[in-house]
Amino acid sequence: MANDFRLKTSTGVGTSPATVYTTPSATATTIIGLSVANITTAAIEVDVQVENNDGDNIYIVKAAPVPVGGSLVVIGGDQKVVMEASDILKVTSDTAASADVALSILEIS
C-alpha cells in the first residue's frame, strides 16, 4: 500500500466549475488542506463541491466570501475530508479568472 503526499493546483478559476482533482481508481484520498486565493481587485464568492461517484454531490462551502488580497482556508487544521475512487473536487467563483486553488492531499493506493 503506497502513501503519497501531493499538491494539486488550479489557477484563474472562474464562473465554470473547475475540476481541481479526481481521485484515481483503487485509491482513497484524504484532503489535508484546501486554500482559495482571490487574485482580483474586487471581493469574490466561491463554491467548493465534491461530486461523489455514488451521485450524492455536496458543497463544502457555497458562496463563501474571499476578500481582495485574501484567501479562504476551506479545509485545514483539524478538519479533513476523505474522497473515494472517482470522486471529484470542483471549485467555482462568481467572477471570471479570479481564484487560485491549492489542494494538499494524501493518496492511499
N, C-alpha and C. Protein backbone atom coordinates (compact mmCIF):
# COMPACT_ATOMS: atom_id res chain seq x y z
N MET A 1 0.85 -1.18 0.00
CA MET A 1 0.00 0.00 0.00
C MET A 1 0.90 1.24 0.00
N ALA A 2 0.71 2.10 -1.00
CA ALA A 2 1.54 3.31 -1.13
C ALA A 2 0.80 4.53 -0.58
N ASN A 3 1.55 5.37 0.12
CA ASN A 3 1.02 6.64 0.63
C ASN A 3 1.83 7.76 0.00
N ASP A 4 1.17 8.65 -0.72
CA ASP A 4 1.86 9.73 -1.41
C ASP A 4 1.21 11.07 -1.09
N PHE A 5 2.02 12.02 -0.59
CA PHE A 5 1.56 13.39 -0.41
C PHE A 5 1.68 14.12 -1.73
N ARG A 6 0.67 14.91 -2.08
CA ARG A 6 0.68 15.63 -3.35
C ARG A 6 0.07 17.02 -3.18
N LEU A 7 0.49 17.93 -4.07
CA LEU A 7 -0.11 19.25 -4.18
C LEU A 7 -0.72 19.37 -5.56
N LYS A 8 -2.00 19.69 -5.61
CA LYS A 8 -2.70 19.93 -6.87
C LYS A 8 -3.09 21.40 -6.89
N THR A 9 -2.93 22.05 -8.03
CA THR A 9 -3.23 23.47 -8.14
C THR A 9 -4.10 23.75 -9.35
N SER A 10 -4.81 24.85 -9.27
CA SER A 10 -5.60 25.34 -10.39
C SER A 10 -5.56 26.86 -10.33
N THR A 11 -5.22 27.50 -11.45
CA THR A 11 -5.08 28.94 -11.45
C THR A 11 -6.16 29.59 -12.31
N GLY A 12 -6.57 30.78 -11.91
CA GLY A 12 -7.55 31.54 -12.69
C GLY A 12 -8.92 30.90 -12.78
N VAL A 13 -9.35 30.24 -11.71
CA VAL A 13 -10.68 29.62 -11.68
C VAL A 13 -11.73 30.71 -11.82
N GLY A 14 -12.76 30.42 -12.60
CA GLY A 14 -13.80 31.41 -12.84
C GLY A 14 -15.20 30.86 -12.66
N THR A 15 -16.09 31.28 -13.54
CA THR A 15 -17.52 31.01 -13.37
C THR A 15 -17.96 29.62 -13.82
N SER A 16 -17.10 28.89 -14.49
CA SER A 16 -17.40 27.49 -14.82
C SER A 16 -16.70 26.61 -13.80
N PRO A 17 -17.37 25.55 -13.32
CA PRO A 17 -16.73 24.69 -12.33
C PRO A 17 -15.41 24.12 -12.85
N ALA A 18 -14.35 24.31 -12.08
CA ALA A 18 -13.02 23.79 -12.45
C ALA A 18 -12.76 22.52 -11.65
N THR A 19 -12.46 21.45 -12.36
CA THR A 19 -12.09 20.21 -11.69
C THR A 19 -10.66 20.34 -11.20
N VAL A 20 -10.50 20.40 -9.89
CA VAL A 20 -9.18 20.55 -9.29
C VAL A 20 -8.55 19.18 -9.09
N TYR A 21 -9.38 18.17 -8.79
CA TYR A 21 -8.84 16.84 -8.50
C TYR A 21 -9.91 15.78 -8.71
N THR A 22 -9.48 14.65 -9.28
CA THR A 22 -10.31 13.46 -9.39
C THR A 22 -9.54 12.32 -8.76
N THR A 23 -10.15 11.63 -7.81
CA THR A 23 -9.49 10.52 -7.14
C THR A 23 -9.31 9.36 -8.11
N PRO A 24 -8.07 8.87 -8.27
CA PRO A 24 -7.84 7.75 -9.18
C PRO A 24 -8.54 6.48 -8.70
N SER A 25 -8.73 5.53 -9.63
CA SER A 25 -9.33 4.25 -9.26
C SER A 25 -8.41 3.51 -8.28
N ALA A 26 -8.99 2.68 -7.46
CA ALA A 26 -8.27 1.89 -6.44
C ALA A 26 -7.47 2.78 -5.49
N THR A 27 -7.97 3.98 -5.25
CA THR A 27 -7.27 4.94 -4.38
C THR A 27 -8.27 5.62 -3.46
N ALA A 28 -7.86 5.85 -2.23
CA ALA A 28 -8.58 6.72 -1.31
C ALA A 28 -7.70 7.94 -1.08
N THR A 29 -8.33 9.10 -0.95
CA THR A 29 -7.58 10.34 -0.79
C THR A 29 -8.10 11.09 0.42
N THR A 30 -7.17 11.59 1.24
CA THR A 30 -7.53 12.47 2.34
C THR A 30 -7.08 13.87 1.98
N ILE A 31 -8.05 14.80 1.97
CA ILE A 31 -7.70 16.21 1.76
C ILE A 31 -7.23 16.75 3.10
N ILE A 32 -5.98 17.24 3.13
CA ILE A 32 -5.43 17.76 4.37
C ILE A 32 -5.37 19.29 4.37
N GLY A 33 -5.56 19.88 3.19
CA GLY A 33 -5.60 21.33 3.10
C GLY A 33 -6.17 21.79 1.78
N LEU A 34 -6.99 22.83 1.83
CA LEU A 34 -7.56 23.42 0.62
C LEU A 34 -7.69 24.92 0.85
N SER A 35 -6.95 25.70 0.04
CA SER A 35 -7.00 27.15 0.13
C SER A 35 -7.39 27.73 -1.22
N VAL A 36 -8.19 28.80 -1.17
CA VAL A 36 -8.60 29.51 -2.38
C VAL A 36 -8.21 30.97 -2.19
N ALA A 37 -7.39 31.49 -3.13
CA ALA A 37 -6.92 32.87 -3.06
C ALA A 37 -7.62 33.73 -4.09
N ASN A 38 -7.96 34.94 -3.68
CA ASN A 38 -8.57 35.93 -4.58
C ASN A 38 -7.43 36.64 -5.31
N ILE A 39 -7.42 36.56 -6.66
CA ILE A 39 -6.35 37.19 -7.43
C ILE A 39 -6.84 38.42 -8.20
N THR A 40 -7.99 38.95 -7.79
CA THR A 40 -8.55 40.12 -8.46
C THR A 40 -8.51 41.34 -7.54
N THR A 41 -9.06 42.44 -8.03
CA THR A 41 -9.10 43.68 -7.25
C THR A 41 -10.47 43.95 -6.64
N ALA A 42 -11.32 42.92 -6.61
CA ALA A 42 -12.64 43.03 -6.00
C ALA A 42 -12.92 41.74 -5.22
N ALA A 43 -13.79 41.83 -4.24
CA ALA A 43 -14.17 40.64 -3.47
C ALA A 43 -14.86 39.63 -4.38
N ILE A 44 -14.68 38.34 -4.07
CA ILE A 44 -15.33 37.27 -4.83
C ILE A 44 -16.04 36.32 -3.88
N GLU A 45 -16.88 35.46 -4.44
CA GLU A 45 -17.51 34.38 -3.69
C GLU A 45 -17.21 33.08 -4.42
N VAL A 46 -16.89 32.04 -3.63
CA VAL A 46 -16.53 30.76 -4.23
C VAL A 46 -17.39 29.62 -3.69
N ASP A 47 -17.53 28.60 -4.53
CA ASP A 47 -18.16 27.34 -4.15
C ASP A 47 -17.11 26.25 -4.25
N VAL A 48 -17.13 25.32 -3.31
CA VAL A 48 -16.30 24.12 -3.37
C VAL A 48 -17.25 22.95 -3.23
N GLN A 49 -17.19 22.05 -4.20
CA GLN A 49 -18.15 20.95 -4.27
C GLN A 49 -17.43 19.62 -4.46
N VAL A 50 -17.95 18.58 -3.81
CA VAL A 50 -17.48 17.21 -4.03
C VAL A 50 -18.59 16.48 -4.78
N GLU A 51 -18.21 15.94 -5.93
CA GLU A 51 -19.13 15.09 -6.70
C GLU A 51 -18.74 13.66 -6.41
N ASN A 52 -19.58 12.99 -5.62
CA ASN A 52 -19.32 11.60 -5.25
C ASN A 52 -19.67 10.67 -6.39
N ASN A 53 -18.92 9.59 -6.52
CA ASN A 53 -19.23 8.64 -7.58
C ASN A 53 -20.55 7.92 -7.33
N ASP A 54 -21.12 8.05 -6.12
CA ASP A 54 -22.43 7.45 -5.84
C ASP A 54 -23.58 8.41 -6.15
N GLY A 55 -23.25 9.61 -6.65
CA GLY A 55 -24.27 10.57 -7.06
C GLY A 55 -24.74 11.51 -5.96
N ASP A 56 -24.21 11.38 -4.76
CA ASP A 56 -24.61 12.23 -3.64
C ASP A 56 -23.66 13.44 -3.57
N ASN A 57 -23.87 14.42 -4.45
CA ASN A 57 -22.98 15.57 -4.56
C ASN A 57 -23.28 16.58 -3.45
N ILE A 58 -22.19 17.15 -2.90
CA ILE A 58 -22.34 18.09 -1.78
C ILE A 58 -21.45 19.31 -1.96
N TYR A 59 -21.82 20.38 -1.28
CA TYR A 59 -20.97 21.57 -1.19
C TYR A 59 -20.20 21.52 0.12
N ILE A 60 -18.92 21.83 0.06
CA ILE A 60 -18.13 22.05 1.27
C ILE A 60 -18.37 23.48 1.75
N VAL A 61 -18.37 24.42 0.80
CA VAL A 61 -18.80 25.80 1.04
C VAL A 61 -19.56 26.27 -0.19
N LYS A 62 -20.50 27.18 0.02
CA LYS A 62 -21.29 27.75 -1.08
C LYS A 62 -21.34 29.26 -0.89
N ALA A 63 -20.95 29.98 -1.93
CA ALA A 63 -20.95 31.45 -1.92
C ALA A 63 -20.14 32.00 -0.75
N ALA A 64 -18.99 31.38 -0.49
CA ALA A 64 -18.12 31.84 0.60
C ALA A 64 -17.33 33.06 0.14
N PRO A 65 -17.32 34.14 0.92
CA PRO A 65 -16.61 35.36 0.51
C PRO A 65 -15.10 35.22 0.65
N VAL A 66 -14.39 35.78 -0.32
CA VAL A 66 -12.94 35.87 -0.27
C VAL A 66 -12.58 37.33 -0.56
N PRO A 67 -12.03 38.04 0.43
CA PRO A 67 -11.76 39.47 0.25
C PRO A 67 -10.60 39.74 -0.71
N VAL A 68 -10.51 40.97 -1.16
CA VAL A 68 -9.42 41.40 -2.02
C VAL A 68 -8.09 41.11 -1.33
N GLY A 69 -7.18 40.47 -2.05
CA GLY A 69 -5.86 40.17 -1.49
C GLY A 69 -5.86 39.09 -0.43
N GLY A 70 -6.98 38.42 -0.26
CA GLY A 70 -7.09 37.42 0.80
C GLY A 70 -7.26 36.02 0.27
N SER A 71 -7.35 35.10 1.22
CA SER A 71 -7.60 33.71 0.86
C SER A 71 -8.57 33.10 1.86
N LEU A 72 -9.15 31.99 1.45
CA LEU A 72 -10.09 31.25 2.28
C LEU A 72 -9.52 29.86 2.48
N VAL A 73 -9.33 29.46 3.74
CA VAL A 73 -8.90 28.10 4.04
C VAL A 73 -10.17 27.28 4.22
N VAL A 74 -10.50 26.53 3.20
CA VAL A 74 -11.74 25.76 3.20
C VAL A 74 -11.59 24.50 4.03
N ILE A 75 -10.45 23.84 3.91
CA ILE A 75 -10.15 22.62 4.68
C ILE A 75 -8.74 22.77 5.22
N GLY A 76 -8.58 22.46 6.50
CA GLY A 76 -7.26 22.53 7.12
C GLY A 76 -7.38 22.41 8.62
N GLY A 77 -6.25 22.44 9.29
CA GLY A 77 -6.27 22.29 10.74
C GLY A 77 -6.78 20.93 11.14
N ASP A 78 -7.78 20.90 12.00
CA ASP A 78 -8.35 19.63 12.46
C ASP A 78 -9.30 19.00 11.46
N GLN A 79 -9.77 19.77 10.48
CA GLN A 79 -10.76 19.25 9.52
C GLN A 79 -10.05 18.54 8.38
N LYS A 80 -10.53 17.36 8.04
CA LYS A 80 -10.07 16.60 6.89
C LYS A 80 -11.31 16.11 6.13
N VAL A 81 -11.14 15.84 4.84
CA VAL A 81 -12.22 15.27 4.04
C VAL A 81 -11.64 14.07 3.29
N VAL A 82 -12.35 12.95 3.34
CA VAL A 82 -11.92 11.74 2.65
C VAL A 82 -12.70 11.61 1.35
N MET A 83 -11.96 11.34 0.27
CA MET A 83 -12.58 11.11 -1.04
C MET A 83 -12.28 9.68 -1.46
N GLU A 84 -13.26 9.04 -2.11
CA GLU A 84 -13.10 7.68 -2.59
C GLU A 84 -12.84 7.70 -4.09
N ALA A 85 -12.51 6.54 -4.64
CA ALA A 85 -12.20 6.42 -6.06
C ALA A 85 -13.28 7.08 -6.91
N SER A 86 -12.85 7.87 -7.89
CA SER A 86 -13.69 8.57 -8.86
C SER A 86 -14.43 9.78 -8.32
N ASP A 87 -14.27 10.12 -7.04
CA ASP A 87 -14.84 11.35 -6.52
C ASP A 87 -14.10 12.55 -7.13
N ILE A 88 -14.81 13.66 -7.32
CA ILE A 88 -14.25 14.83 -7.99
C ILE A 88 -14.43 16.06 -7.11
N LEU A 89 -13.37 16.86 -6.99
CA LEU A 89 -13.43 18.13 -6.27
C LEU A 89 -13.45 19.26 -7.29
N LYS A 90 -14.47 20.13 -7.20
CA LYS A 90 -14.61 21.25 -8.13
C LYS A 90 -14.71 22.56 -7.37
N VAL A 91 -14.15 23.62 -7.99
CA VAL A 91 -14.21 24.96 -7.42
C VAL A 91 -14.78 25.90 -8.48
N THR A 92 -15.67 26.81 -8.05
CA THR A 92 -16.28 27.80 -8.93
C THR A 92 -16.24 29.15 -8.23
N SER A 93 -16.03 30.21 -9.01
CA SER A 93 -16.08 31.56 -8.48
C SER A 93 -17.23 32.31 -9.15
N ASP A 94 -17.65 33.39 -8.54
CA ASP A 94 -18.69 34.21 -9.16
C ASP A 94 -18.12 35.23 -10.14
N THR A 95 -16.78 35.22 -10.30
CA THR A 95 -16.10 36.18 -11.16
C THR A 95 -15.11 35.43 -12.05
N ALA A 96 -15.04 35.81 -13.31
CA ALA A 96 -14.14 35.14 -14.26
C ALA A 96 -12.68 35.27 -13.83
N ALA A 97 -11.93 34.19 -14.00
CA ALA A 97 -10.48 34.16 -13.78
C ALA A 97 -10.06 34.87 -12.49
N SER A 98 -10.67 34.49 -11.37
CA SER A 98 -10.49 35.25 -10.14
C SER A 98 -9.89 34.50 -8.96
N ALA A 99 -9.71 33.19 -9.08
CA ALA A 99 -9.28 32.42 -7.91
C ALA A 99 -8.16 31.43 -8.26
N ASP A 100 -7.18 31.35 -7.38
CA ASP A 100 -6.16 30.31 -7.45
C ASP A 100 -6.43 29.32 -6.32
N VAL A 101 -6.25 28.03 -6.62
CA VAL A 101 -6.58 26.97 -5.66
C VAL A 101 -5.34 26.12 -5.39
N ALA A 102 -5.10 25.84 -4.11
CA ALA A 102 -4.03 24.92 -3.68
C ALA A 102 -4.68 23.82 -2.85
N LEU A 103 -4.49 22.59 -3.30
CA LEU A 103 -5.09 21.42 -2.66
C LEU A 103 -3.97 20.48 -2.21
N SER A 104 -3.86 20.25 -0.91
CA SER A 104 -2.86 19.31 -0.36
C SER A 104 -3.58 18.03 0.00
N ILE A 105 -3.06 16.91 -0.50
CA ILE A 105 -3.73 15.63 -0.32
C ILE A 105 -2.76 14.53 0.08
N LEU A 106 -3.32 13.45 0.60
CA LEU A 106 -2.61 12.20 0.83
C LEU A 106 -3.35 11.12 0.07
N GLU A 107 -2.70 10.56 -0.93
CA GLU A 107 -3.29 9.47 -1.70
C GLU A 107 -2.83 8.13 -1.12
N ILE A 108 -3.78 7.23 -0.92
CA ILE A 108 -3.51 5.91 -0.40
C ILE A 108 -3.97 4.91 -1.44
N SER A 109 -3.02 4.16 -1.99
CA SER A 109 -3.39 3.19 -3.05
C SER A 109 -2.79 1.84 -2.76
